Amino acid sequence: MRLFQKDAYIGIDFLAKKTEIIKLKESGDQNVFAFDLETSNGVKKTVAIANPEIKDSNAILSELQSFIIAIQEDRTTAVSEIDGMLAIETAHLILEKMGQLTDKPLLEMQ
């Protein structure tokens, strides 16, 4: 997945579990590779490149464990049933746009 922002580019490889962030350097940036770059109008900017550490985890297992704890301890879940349904609907809309889903969406968005 590639995300573009005004002053940044974020590349996420979910399969390889790697992330690369390229952005204009800020004073609080740590553990980044930085270099100066001159723009076409002569302004000097400092670019920072970071590859944050991605902790190895099993997202589905973590979600299930969190759900079990919420039931056992009578707590609210981290994600409400409405937010969960909206996330599923969003995933279905994305798959539909990609031509990989032909079933009717779970929720009718109005």
PDB file of N, CA and C in Angstrom:
ATOM      1  N   MET A   1       0.846  -1.154   0.000  1.00  0.00           N
ATOM      2  CA  MET A   1       0.000   0.000   0.000  1.00  0.00           C
ATOM      3  C   MET A   1       0.903   1.231   0.000  1.00  0.00           C
ATOM      4  N   ARG A   2       0.513   2.212  -0.770  1.00  0.00           N
ATOM      5  CA  ARG A   2       1.272   3.464  -0.810  1.00  0.00           C
ATOM      6  C   ARG A   2       0.357   4.606  -0.418  1.00  0.00           C
ATOM      7  N   LEU A   3       0.818   5.415   0.510  1.00  0.00           N
ATOM      8  CA  LEU A   3       0.064   6.577   0.969  1.00  0.00           C
ATOM      9  C   LEU A   3       0.866   7.828   0.655  1.00  0.00           C
ATOM     10  N   PHE A   4       0.219   8.783   0.048  1.00  0.00           N
ATOM     11  CA  PHE A   4       0.882  10.031  -0.296  1.00  0.00           C
ATOM     12  C   PHE A   4       0.245  11.164   0.491  1.00  0.00           C
ATOM     13  N   GLN A   5       1.079  11.952   1.136  1.00  0.00           N
ATOM     14  CA  GLN A   5       0.632  13.130   1.863  1.00  0.00           C
ATOM     15  C   GLN A   5       1.385  14.329   1.317  1.00  0.00           C
ATOM     16  N   LYS A   6       1.001  15.513   1.763  1.00  0.00           N
ATOM     17  CA  LYS A   6       1.622  16.733   1.248  1.00  0.00           C
ATOM     18  C   LYS A   6       3.137  16.693   1.386  1.00  0.00           C
ATOM     19  N   ASP A   7       3.638  16.308   2.537  1.00  0.00           N
ATOM     20  CA  ASP A   7       5.076  16.314   2.795  1.00  0.00           C
ATOM     21  C   ASP A   7       5.629  14.933   3.117  1.00  0.00           C
ATOM     22  N   ALA A   8       4.930  13.877   2.686  1.00  0.00           N
ATOM     23  CA  ALA A   8       5.400  12.542   3.053  1.00  0.00           C
ATOM     24  C   ALA A   8       4.904  11.473   2.085  1.00  0.00           C
ATOM     25  N   TYR A   9       5.647  10.380   2.061  1.00  0.00           N
ATOM     26  CA  TYR A   9       5.269   9.166   1.338  1.00  0.00           C
ATOM     27  C   TYR A   9       5.428   8.019   2.328  1.00  0.00           C
ATOM     28  N   ILE A  10       4.427   7.156   2.404  1.00  0.00           N
ATOM     29  CA  ILE A  10       4.492   6.001   3.291  1.00  0.00           C
ATOM     30  C   ILE A  10       4.231   4.760   2.453  1.00  0.00           C
ATOM     31  N   GLY A  11       5.174   3.841   2.476  1.00  0.00           N
ATOM     32  CA  GLY A  11       5.018   2.573   1.777  1.00  0.00           C
ATOM     33  C   GLY A  11       4.873   1.459   2.798  1.00  0.00           C
ATOM     34  N   ILE A  12       3.819   0.655   2.647  1.00  0.00           N
ATOM     35  CA  ILE A  12       3.564  -0.435   3.585  1.00  0.00           C
ATOM     36  C   ILE A  12       3.483  -1.738   2.799  1.00  0.00           C
ATOM     37  N   ASP A  13       4.311  -2.701   3.178  1.00  0.00           N
ATOM     38  CA  ASP A  13       4.281  -4.028   2.580  1.00  0.00           C
ATOM     39  C   ASP A  13       3.761  -4.976   3.656  1.00  0.00           C
ATOM     40  N   PHE A  14       2.475  -5.309   3.580  1.00  0.00           N
ATOM     41  CA  PHE A  14       1.855  -6.135   4.608  1.00  0.00           C
ATOM     42  C   PHE A  14       2.401  -7.559   4.602  1.00  0.00           C
ATOM     43  N   LEU A  15       2.719  -8.075   3.437  1.00  0.00           N
ATOM     44  CA  LEU A  15       3.217  -9.441   3.349  1.00  0.00           C
ATOM     45  C   LEU A  15       4.615  -9.565   3.947  1.00  0.00           C
ATOM     46  N   ALA A  16       5.499  -8.649   3.579  1.00  0.00           N
ATOM     47  CA  ALA A  16       6.876  -8.680   4.092  1.00  0.00           C
ATOM     48  C   ALA A  16       6.994  -8.022   5.464  1.00  0.00           C
ATOM     49  N   LYS A  17       5.924  -7.405   5.934  1.00  0.00           N
ATOM     50  CA  LYS A  17       5.890  -6.703   7.222  1.00  0.00           C
ATOM     51  C   LYS A  17       6.989  -5.649   7.303  1.00  0.00           C
ATOM     52  N   LYS A  18       6.999  -4.773   6.287  1.00  0.00           N
ATOM     53  CA  LYS A  18       7.972  -3.684   6.238  1.00  0.00           C
ATOM     54  C   LYS A  18       7.250  -2.379   5.941  1.00  0.00           C
ATOM     55  N   THR A  19       7.778  -1.307   6.504  1.00  0.00           N
ATOM     56  CA  THR A  19       7.245   0.025   6.266  1.00  0.00           C
ATOM     57  C   THR A  19       8.389   0.977   5.987  1.00  0.00           C
ATOM     58  N   GLU A  20       8.172   1.871   5.037  1.00  0.00           N
ATOM     59  CA  GLU A  20       9.158   2.907   4.737  1.00  0.00           C
ATOM     60  C   GLU A  20       8.439   4.249   4.745  1.00  0.00           C
ATOM     61  N   ILE A  21       9.012   5.198   5.469  1.00  0.00           N
ATOM     62  CA  ILE A  21       8.446   6.541   5.550  1.00  0.00           C
ATOM     63  C   ILE A  21       9.483   7.521   5.033  1.00  0.00           C
ATOM     64  N   ILE A  22       9.098   8.287   4.029  1.00  0.00           N
ATOM     65  CA  ILE A  22       9.966   9.330   3.483  1.00  0.00           C
ATOM     66  C   ILE A  22       9.219  10.639   3.662  1.00  0.00           C
ATOM     67  N   LYS A  23       9.822  11.574   4.392  1.00  0.00           N
ATOM     68  CA  LYS A  23       9.134  12.830   4.687  1.00  0.00           C
ATOM     69  C   LYS A  23      10.128  13.940   4.946  1.00  0.00           C
ATOM     70  N   LEU A  24       9.600  15.147   5.055  1.00  0.00           N
ATOM     71  CA  LEU A  24      10.449  16.259   5.448  1.00  0.00           C
ATOM     72  C   LEU A  24      10.804  16.077   6.911  1.00  0.00           C
ATOM     73  N   LYS A  25      12.071  16.246   7.234  1.00  0.00           N
ATOM     74  CA  LYS A  25      12.560  16.012   8.596  1.00  0.00           C
ATOM     75  C   LYS A  25      12.000  17.046   9.556  1.00  0.00           C
ATOM     76  N   GLU A  26      11.631  16.566  10.738  1.00  0.00           N
ATOM     77  CA  GLU A  26      11.160  17.423  11.823  1.00  0.00           C
ATOM     78  C   GLU A  26      12.156  17.334  12.966  1.00  0.00           C
ATOM     79  N   SER A  27      12.128  18.315  13.846  1.00  0.00           N
ATOM     80  CA  SER A  27      13.119  18.377  14.926  1.00  0.00           C
ATOM     81  C   SER A  27      13.083  17.156  15.844  1.00  0.00           C
ATOM     82  N   GLY A  28      11.930  16.546  16.025  1.00  0.00           N
ATOM     83  CA  GLY A  28      11.815  15.407  16.932  1.00  0.00           C
ATOM     84  C   GLY A  28      12.127  14.061  16.308  1.00  0.00           C
ATOM     85  N   ASP A  29      12.451  14.034  15.026  1.00  0.00           N
ATOM     86  CA  ASP A  29      12.726  12.761  14.350  1.00  0.00           C
ATOM     87  C   ASP A  29      13.982  12.099  14.902  1.00  0.00           C
ATOM     88  N   GLN A  30      13.869  10.810  15.209  1.00  0.00           N
ATOM     89  CA  GLN A  30      15.005  10.031  15.697  1.00  0.00           C
ATOM     90  C   GLN A  30      15.122   8.768  14.859  1.00  0.00           C
ATOM     91  N   ASN A  31      16.319   8.224  14.806  1.00  0.00           N
ATOM     92  CA  ASN A  31      16.584   6.977  14.078  1.00  0.00           C
ATOM     93  C   ASN A  31      16.152   7.045  12.613  1.00  0.00           C
ATOM     94  N   VAL A  32      16.485   8.161  11.969  1.00  0.00           N
ATOM     95  CA  VAL A  32      16.175   8.317  10.553  1.00  0.00           C
ATOM     96  C   VAL A  32      17.450   8.619   9.780  1.00  0.00           C
ATOM     97  N   PHE A  33      17.459   8.231   8.524  1.00  0.00           N
ATOM     98  CA  PHE A  33      18.525   8.630   7.616  1.00  0.00           C
ATOM     99  C   PHE A  33      18.060   9.938   6.993  1.00  0.00           C
ATOM    100  N   ALA A  34      18.875  10.988   7.071  1.00  0.00           N
ATOM    101  CA  ALA A  34      18.455  12.296   6.568  1.00  0.00           C
ATOM    102  C   ALA A  34      19.490  12.855   5.601  1.00  0.00           C
ATOM    103  N   PHE A  35      19.005  13.607   4.632  1.00  0.00           N
ATOM    104  CA  PHE A  35      19.895  14.282   3.690  1.00  0.00           C
ATOM    105  C   PHE A  35      19.220  15.562   3.204  1.00  0.00           C
ATOM    106  N   ASP A  36      20.041  16.509   2.775  1.00  0.00           N
ATOM    107  CA  ASP A  36      19.534  17.790   2.287  1.00  0.00           C
ATOM    108  C   ASP A  36      19.251  17.704   0.797  1.00  0.00           C
ATOM    109  N   LEU A  37      18.221  18.421   0.395  1.00  0.00           N
ATOM    110  CA  LEU A  37      17.807  18.445  -0.996  1.00  0.00           C
ATOM    111  C   LEU A  37      17.395  19.871  -1.337  1.00  0.00           C
ATOM    112  N   GLU A  38      17.826  20.347  -2.484  1.00  0.00           N
ATOM    113  CA  GLU A  38      17.452  21.699  -2.898  1.00  0.00           C
ATOM    114  C   GLU A  38      16.307  21.602  -3.899  1.00  0.00           C
ATOM    115  N   THR A  39      15.240  22.367  -3.647  1.00  0.00           N
ATOM    116  CA  THR A  39      14.078  22.339  -4.533  1.00  0.00           C
ATOM    117  C   THR A  39      14.353  23.158  -5.786  1.00  0.00           C
ATOM    118  N   SER A  40      13.442  23.104  -6.734  1.00  0.00           N
ATOM    119  CA  SER A  40      13.621  23.812  -8.002  1.00  0.00           C
ATOM    120  C   SER A  40      13.677  25.326  -7.829  1.00  0.00           C
ATOM    121  N   ASN A  41      13.098  25.835  -6.742  1.00  0.00           N
ATOM    122  CA  ASN A  41      13.153  27.284  -6.503  1.00  0.00           C
ATOM    123  C   ASN A  41      14.263  27.666  -5.517  1.00  0.00           C
ATOM    124  N   GLY A  42      15.208  26.748  -5.282  1.00  0.00           N
ATOM    125  CA  GLY A  42      16.385  27.057  -4.480  1.00  0.00           C
ATOM    126  C   GLY A  42      16.227  26.924  -2.981  1.00  0.00           C
ATOM    127  N   VAL A  43      15.104  26.422  -2.516  1.00  0.00           N
ATOM    128  CA  VAL A  43      14.880  26.253  -1.080  1.00  0.00           C
ATOM    129  C   VAL A  43      15.480  24.915  -0.648  1.00  0.00           C
ATOM    130  N   LYS A  44      16.250  24.938   0.449  1.00  0.00           N
ATOM    131  CA  LYS A  44      16.871  23.717   0.968  1.00  0.00           C
ATOM    132  C   LYS A  44      15.922  23.047   1.959  1.00  0.00           C
ATOM    133  N   LYS A  45      15.677  21.761   1.749  1.00  0.00           N
ATOM    134  CA  LYS A  45      14.822  20.979   2.648  1.00  0.00           C
ATOM    135  C   LYS A  45      15.603  19.745   3.073  1.00  0.00           C
ATOM    136  N   THR A  46      15.305  19.261   4.259  1.00  0.00           N
ATOM    137  CA  THR A  46      15.939  18.042   4.749  1.00  0.00           C
ATOM    138  C   THR A  46      14.924  16.911   4.682  1.00  0.00           C
ATOM    139  N   VAL A  47      15.305  15.854   3.991  1.00  0.00           N
ATOM    140  CA  VAL A  47      14.443  14.696   3.816  1.00  0.00           C
ATOM    141  C   VAL A  47      14.885  13.614   4.797  1.00  0.00           C
ATOM    142  N   ALA A  48      13.920  12.974   5.434  1.00  0.00           N
ATOM    143  CA  ALA A  48      14.204  11.899   6.394  1.00  0.00           C
ATOM    144  C   ALA A  48      13.580  10.601   5.891  1.00  0.00           C
ATOM    145  N   ILE A  49      14.340   9.527   6.013  1.00  0.00           N
ATOM    146  CA  ILE A  49      13.841   8.206   5.630  1.00  0.00           C
ATOM    147  C   ILE A  49      13.905   7.306   6.860  1.00  0.00           C
ATOM    148  N   ALA A  50      12.783   6.694   7.176  1.00  0.00           N
ATOM    149  CA  ALA A  50      12.717   5.811   8.344  1.00  0.00           C
ATOM    150  C   ALA A  50      12.099   4.479   7.942  1.00  0.00           C
ATOM    151  N   ASN A  51      12.573   3.434   8.568  1.00  0.00           N
ATOM    152  CA  ASN A  51      12.013   2.099   8.415  1.00  0.00           C
ATOM    153  C   ASN A  51      11.655   1.595   9.807  1.00  0.00           C
ATOM    154  N   PRO A  52      10.476   1.985  10.310  1.00  0.00           N
ATOM    155  CA  PRO A  52      10.116   1.598  11.673  1.00  0.00           C
ATOM    156  C   PRO A  52      10.043   0.089  11.844  1.00  0.00           C
ATOM    157  N   GLU A  53      10.393  -0.343  13.040  1.00  0.00           N
ATOM    158  CA  GLU A  53      10.350  -1.769  13.364  1.00  0.00           C
ATOM    159  C   GLU A  53       8.897  -2.209  13.473  1.00  0.00           C
ATOM    160  N   ILE A  54       8.580  -3.293  12.829  1.00  0.00           N
ATOM    161  CA  ILE A  54       7.238  -3.860  12.892  1.00  0.00           C
ATOM    162  C   ILE A  54       7.310  -5.088  13.794  1.00  0.00           C
ATOM    163  N   LYS A  55       6.571  -5.041  14.885  1.00  0.00           N
ATOM    164  CA  LYS A  55       6.578  -6.170  15.811  1.00  0.00           C
ATOM    165  C   LYS A  55       5.799  -7.328  15.203  1.00  0.00           C
ATOM    166  N   ASP A  56       6.371  -8.514  15.305  1.00  0.00           N
ATOM    167  CA  ASP A  56       5.727  -9.702  14.768  1.00  0.00           C
ATOM    168  C   ASP A  56       4.541 -10.062  15.646  1.00  0.00           C
ATOM    169  N   SER A  57       3.372 -10.155  15.048  1.00  0.00           N
ATOM    170  CA  SER A  57       2.182 -10.514  15.812  1.00  0.00           C
ATOM    171  C   SER A  57       1.161 -11.158  14.886  1.00  0.00           C
ATOM    172  N   ASN A  58       0.208 -11.809  15.490  1.00  0.00           N
ATOM    173  CA  ASN A  58      -0.899 -12.407  14.762  1.00  0.00           C
ATOM    174  C   ASN A  58      -2.130 -11.577  15.096  1.00  0.00           C
ATOM    175  N   ALA A  59      -2.551 -10.720  14.176  1.00  0.00           N
ATOM    176  CA  ALA A  59      -3.636  -9.773  14.436  1.00  0.00           C
ATOM    177  C   ALA A  59      -4.940 -10.476  14.795  1.00  0.00           C
ATOM    178  N   ILE A  60      -5.264 -11.556  14.107  1.00  0.00           N
ATOM    179  CA  ILE A  60      -6.518 -12.260  14.390  1.00  0.00           C
ATOM    180  C   ILE A  60      -6.483 -12.871  15.783  1.00  0.00           C
ATOM    181  N   LEU A  61      -5.361 -13.483  16.154  1.00  0.00           N
ATOM    182  CA  LEU A  61      -5.222 -14.055  17.492  1.00  0.00           C
ATOM    183  C   LEU A  61      -5.346 -12.968  18.558  1.00  0.00           C
ATOM    184  N   SER A  62      -4.707 -11.828  18.340  1.00  0.00           N
ATOM    185  CA  SER A  62      -4.788 -10.714  19.297  1.00  0.00           C
ATOM    186  C   SER A  62      -6.219 -10.218  19.447  1.00  0.00           C
ATOM    187  N   GLU A  63      -6.938 -10.115  18.331  1.00  0.00           N
ATOM    188  CA  GLU A  63      -8.336  -9.673  18.382  1.00  0.00           C
ATOM    189  C   GLU A  63      -9.190 -10.668  19.150  1.00  0.00           C
ATOM    190  N   LEU A  64      -8.982 -11.954  18.892  1.00  0.00           N
ATOM    191  CA  LEU A  64      -9.761 -12.974  19.592  1.00  0.00           C
ATOM    192  C   LEU A  64      -9.464 -12.975  21.090  1.00  0.00           C
ATOM    193  N   GLN A  65      -8.186 -12.836  21.456  1.00  0.00           N
ATOM    194  CA  GLN A  65      -7.820 -12.783  22.876  1.00  0.00           C
ATOM    195  C   GLN A  65      -8.451 -11.570  23.548  1.00  0.00           C
ATOM    196  N   SER A  66      -8.428 -10.438  22.876  1.00  0.00           N
ATOM    197  CA  SER A  66      -9.033  -9.223  23.419  1.00  0.00           C
ATOM    198  C   SER A  66     -10.539  -9.406  23.593  1.00  0.00           C
ATOM    199  N   PHE A  67     -11.176 -10.062  22.639  1.00  0.00           N
ATOM    200  CA  PHE A  67     -12.613 -10.315  22.702  1.00  0.00           C
ATOM    201  C   PHE A  67     -12.951 -11.239  23.872  1.00  0.00           C
ATOM    202  N   ILE A  68     -12.162 -12.288  24.056  1.00  0.00           N
ATOM    203  CA  ILE A  68     -12.379 -13.224  25.165  1.00  0.00           C
ATOM    204  C   ILE A  68     -12.247 -12.505  26.506  1.00  0.00           C
ATOM    205  N   ILE A  69     -11.212 -11.677  26.649  1.00  0.00           N
ATOM    206  CA  ILE A  69     -11.009 -10.926  27.894  1.00  0.00           C
ATOM    207  C   ILE A  69     -12.182  -9.985  28.144  1.00  0.00           C
ATOM    208  N   ALA A  70     -12.681  -9.337  27.097  1.00  0.00           N
ATOM    209  CA  ALA A  70     -13.823  -8.428  27.246  1.00  0.00           C
ATOM    210  C   ALA A  70     -15.043  -9.181  27.771  1.00  0.00           C
ATOM    211  N   ILE A  71     -15.263 -10.391  27.275  1.00  0.00           N
ATOM    212  CA  ILE A  71     -16.391 -11.196  27.745  1.00  0.00           C
ATOM    213  C   ILE A  71     -16.163 -11.649  29.182  1.00  0.00           C
ATOM    214  N   GLN A  72     -14.974 -12.183  29.478  1.00  0.00           N
ATOM    215  CA  GLN A  72     -14.680 -12.704  30.812  1.00  0.00           C
ATOM    216  C   GLN A  72     -14.731 -11.620  31.880  1.00  0.00           C
ATOM    217  N   GLU A  73     -14.292 -10.420  31.536  1.00  0.00           N
ATOM    218  CA  GLU A  73     -14.211  -9.338  32.519  1.00  0.00           C
ATOM    219  C   GLU A  73     -15.335  -8.319  32.362  1.00  0.00           C
ATOM    220  N   ASP A  74     -16.331  -8.649  31.561  1.00  0.00           N
ATOM    221  CA  ASP A  74     -17.497  -7.793  31.333  1.00  0.00           C
ATOM    222  C   ASP A  74     -17.088  -6.359  30.974  1.00  0.00           C
ATOM    223  N   ARG A  75     -16.176  -6.256  30.030  1.00  0.00           N
ATOM    224  CA  ARG A  75     -15.710  -4.953  29.539  1.00  0.00           C
ATOM    225  C   ARG A  75     -16.277  -4.707  28.145  1.00  0.00           C
ATOM    226  N   THR A  76     -16.209  -3.458  27.725  1.00  0.00           N
ATOM    227  CA  THR A  76     -16.577  -3.180  26.341  1.00  0.00           C
ATOM    228  C   THR A  76     -15.419  -3.610  25.443  1.00  0.00           C
ATOM    229  N   THR A  77     -15.761  -4.010  24.252  1.00  0.00           N
ATOM    230  CA  THR A  77     -14.732  -4.439  23.303  1.00  0.00           C
ATOM    231  C   THR A  77     -14.006  -3.223  22.737  1.00  0.00           C
ATOM    232  N   ALA A  78     -12.797  -3.453  22.236  1.00  0.00           N
ATOM    233  CA  ALA A  78     -11.999  -2.358  21.663  1.00  0.00           C
ATOM    234  C   ALA A  78     -12.692  -1.756  20.444  1.00  0.00           C
ATOM    235  N   VAL A  79     -13.420  -2.583  19.713  1.00  0.00           N
ATOM    236  CA  VAL A  79     -14.152  -2.127  18.527  1.00  0.00           C
ATOM    237  C   VAL A  79     -15.620  -2.470  18.723  1.00  0.00           C
ATOM    238  N   SER A  80     -16.485  -1.474  18.567  1.00  0.00           N
ATOM    239  CA  SER A  80     -17.921  -1.726  18.742  1.00  0.00           C
ATOM    240  C   SER A  80     -18.452  -2.565  17.585  1.00  0.00           C
ATOM    241  N   GLU A  81     -19.633  -3.150  17.794  1.00  0.00           N
ATOM    242  CA  GLU A  81     -20.230  -3.961  16.730  1.00  0.00           C
ATOM    243  C   GLU A  81     -20.537  -3.116  15.491  1.00  0.00           C
ATOM    244  N   ILE A  82     -20.903  -1.862  15.700  1.00  0.00           N
ATOM    245  CA  ILE A  82     -21.177  -0.967  14.563  1.00  0.00           C
ATOM    246  C   ILE A  82     -19.887  -0.685  13.794  1.00  0.00           C
ATOM    247  N   ASP A  83     -18.813  -0.351  14.518  1.00  0.00           N
ATOM    248  CA  ASP A  83     -17.530  -0.090  13.850  1.00  0.00           C
ATOM    249  C   ASP A  83     -17.022  -1.336  13.129  1.00  0.00           C
ATOM    250  N   GLY A  84     -17.228  -2.497  13.734  1.00  0.00           N
ATOM    251  CA  GLY A  84     -16.824  -3.746  13.092  1.00  0.00           C
ATOM    252  C   GLY A  84     -17.596  -3.984  11.802  1.00  0.00           C
ATOM    253  N   MET A  85     -18.898  -3.757  11.850  1.00  0.00           N
ATOM    254  CA  MET A  85     -19.729  -3.931  10.657  1.00  0.00           C
ATOM    255  C   MET A  85     -19.343  -2.922   9.574  1.00  0.00           C
ATOM    256  N   LEU A  86     -19.052  -1.687   9.977  1.00  0.00           N
ATOM    257  CA  LEU A  86     -18.633  -0.673   9.000  1.00  0.00           C
ATOM    258  C   LEU A  86     -17.289  -1.034   8.368  1.00  0.00           C
ATOM    259  N   ALA A  87     -16.396  -1.629   9.147  1.00  0.00           N
ATOM    260  CA  ALA A  87     -15.105  -2.066   8.600  1.00  0.00           C
ATOM    261  C   ALA A  87     -15.314  -3.180   7.577  1.00  0.00           C
ATOM    262  N   ILE A  88     -16.215  -4.109   7.881  1.00  0.00           N
ATOM    263  CA  ILE A  88     -16.516  -5.185   6.936  1.00  0.00           C
ATOM    264  C   ILE A  88     -17.144  -4.609   5.671  1.00  0.00           C
ATOM    265  N   GLU A  89     -18.058  -3.672   5.839  1.00  0.00           N
ATOM    266  CA  GLU A  89     -18.694  -3.033   4.685  1.00  0.00           C
ATOM    267  C   GLU A  89     -17.654  -2.317   3.824  1.00  0.00           C
ATOM    268  N   THR A  90     -16.727  -1.633   4.459  1.00  0.00           N
ATOM    269  CA  THR A  90     -15.662  -0.942   3.715  1.00  0.00           C
ATOM    270  C   THR A  90     -14.824  -1.943   2.932  1.00  0.00           C
ATOM    271  N   ALA A  91     -14.475  -3.054   3.569  1.00  0.00           N
ATOM    272  CA  ALA A  91     -13.700  -4.091   2.880  1.00  0.00           C
ATOM    273  C   ALA A  91     -14.478  -4.641   1.687  1.00  0.00           C
ATOM    274  N   HIS A  92     -15.782  -4.844   1.862  1.00  0.00           N
ATOM    275  CA  HIS A  92     -16.612  -5.337   0.763  1.00  0.00           C
ATOM    276  C   HIS A  92     -16.683  -4.323  -0.372  1.00  0.00           C
ATOM    277  N   LEU A  93     -16.795  -3.048  -0.041  1.00  0.00           N
ATOM    278  CA  LEU A  93     -16.832  -2.013  -1.079  1.00  0.00           C
ATOM    279  C   LEU A  93     -15.526  -1.980  -1.868  1.00  0.00           C
ATOM    280  N   ILE A  94     -14.413  -2.136  -1.165  1.00  0.00           N
ATOM    281  CA  ILE A  94     -13.110  -2.156  -1.840  1.00  0.00           C
ATOM    282  C   ILE A  94     -13.024  -3.359  -2.775  1.00  0.00           C
ATOM    283  N   LEU A  95     -13.405  -4.542  -2.273  1.00  0.00           N
ATOM    284  CA  LEU A  95     -13.372  -5.741  -3.111  1.00  0.00           C
ATOM    285  C   LEU A  95     -14.318  -5.612  -4.303  1.00  0.00           C
ATOM    286  N   GLU A  96     -15.477  -5.010  -4.069  1.00  0.00           N
ATOM    287  CA  GLU A  96     -16.440  -4.797  -5.144  1.00  0.00           C
ATOM    288  C   GLU A  96     -15.849  -3.900  -6.234  1.00  0.00           C
ATOM    289  N   LYS A  97     -15.196  -2.828  -5.827  1.00  0.00           N
ATOM    290  CA  LYS A  97     -14.566  -1.911  -6.781  1.00  0.00           C
ATOM    291  C   LYS A  97     -13.448  -2.610  -7.549  1.00  0.00           C
ATOM    292  N   MET A  98     -12.804  -3.560  -6.897  1.00  0.00           N
ATOM    293  CA  MET A  98     -11.723  -4.307  -7.546  1.00  0.00           C
ATOM    294  C   MET A  98     -12.277  -5.427  -8.431  1.00  0.00           C
ATOM    295  N   GLY A  99     -13.600  -5.615  -8.412  1.00  0.00           N
ATOM    296  CA  GLY A  99     -14.208  -6.655  -9.231  1.00  0.00           C
ATOM    297  C   GLY A  99     -14.094  -8.040  -8.651  1.00  0.00           C
ATOM    298  N   GLN A 100     -13.839  -8.145  -7.349  1.00  0.00           N
ATOM    299  CA  GLN A 100     -13.655  -9.453  -6.726  1.00  0.00           C
ATOM    300  C   GLN A 100     -14.837  -9.871  -5.862  1.00  0.00           C
ATOM    301  N   LEU A 101     -15.880  -9.073  -5.852  1.00  0.00           N
ATOM    302  CA  LEU A 101     -17.024  -9.395  -5.013  1.00  0.00           C
ATOM    303  C   LEU A 101     -18.282  -9.035  -5.786  1.00  0.00           C
ATOM    304  N   THR A 102     -19.193  -9.974  -5.911  1.00  0.00           N
ATOM    305  CA  THR A 102     -20.410  -9.692  -6.659  1.00  0.00           C
ATOM    306  C   THR A 102     -21.647  -9.725  -5.773  1.00  0.00           C
ATOM    307  N   ASP A 103     -21.516 -10.186  -4.540  1.00  0.00           N
ATOM    308  CA  ASP A 103     -22.657 -10.235  -3.631  1.00  0.00           C
ATOM    309  C   ASP A 103     -23.073  -8.837  -3.221  1.00  0.00           C
ATOM    310  N   LYS A 104     -24.308  -8.728  -2.774  1.00  0.00           N
ATOM    311  CA  LYS A 104     -24.830  -7.452  -2.295  1.00  0.00           C
ATOM    312  C   LYS A 104     -24.092  -7.054  -1.018  1.00  0.00           C
ATOM    313  N   PRO A 105     -23.721  -5.764  -0.862  1.00  0.00           N
ATOM    314  CA  PRO A 105     -23.042  -5.313   0.360  1.00  0.00           C
ATOM    315  C   PRO A 105     -23.866  -5.624   1.608  1.00  0.00           C
ATOM    316  N   LEU A 106     -23.186  -5.818   2.734  1.00  0.00           N
ATOM    317  CA  LEU A 106     -23.861  -6.164   3.987  1.00  0.00           C
ATOM    318  C   LEU A 106     -24.767  -5.049   4.485  1.00  0.00           C
ATOM    319  N   LEU A 107     -24.354  -3.826   4.337  1.00  0.00           N
ATOM    320  CA  LEU A 107     -25.150  -2.681   4.774  1.00  0.00           C
ATOM    321  C   LEU A 107     -25.476  -1.816   3.574  1.00  0.00           C
ATOM    322  N   GLU A 108     -26.661  -1.299   3.552  1.00  0.00           N
ATOM    323  CA  GLU A 108     -27.004  -0.337   2.505  1.00  0.00           C
ATOM    324  C   GLU A 108     -26.607   1.040   3.001  1.00  0.00           C
ATOM    325  N   MET A 109     -25.626   1.651   2.346  1.00  0.00           N
ATOM    326  CA  MET A 109     -25.165   2.985   2.723  1.00  0.00           C
ATOM    327  C   MET A 109     -26.114   3.995   2.094  1.00  0.00           C
ATOM    328  N   GLN A 110     -26.642   4.913   2.896  1.00  0.00           N
ATOM    329  CA  GLN A 110     -27.571   5.917   2.368  1.00  0.00           C
ATOM    330  C   GLN A 110     -26.988   7.282   2.461  1.00  0.00           C
TER     331      GLN A 110
END
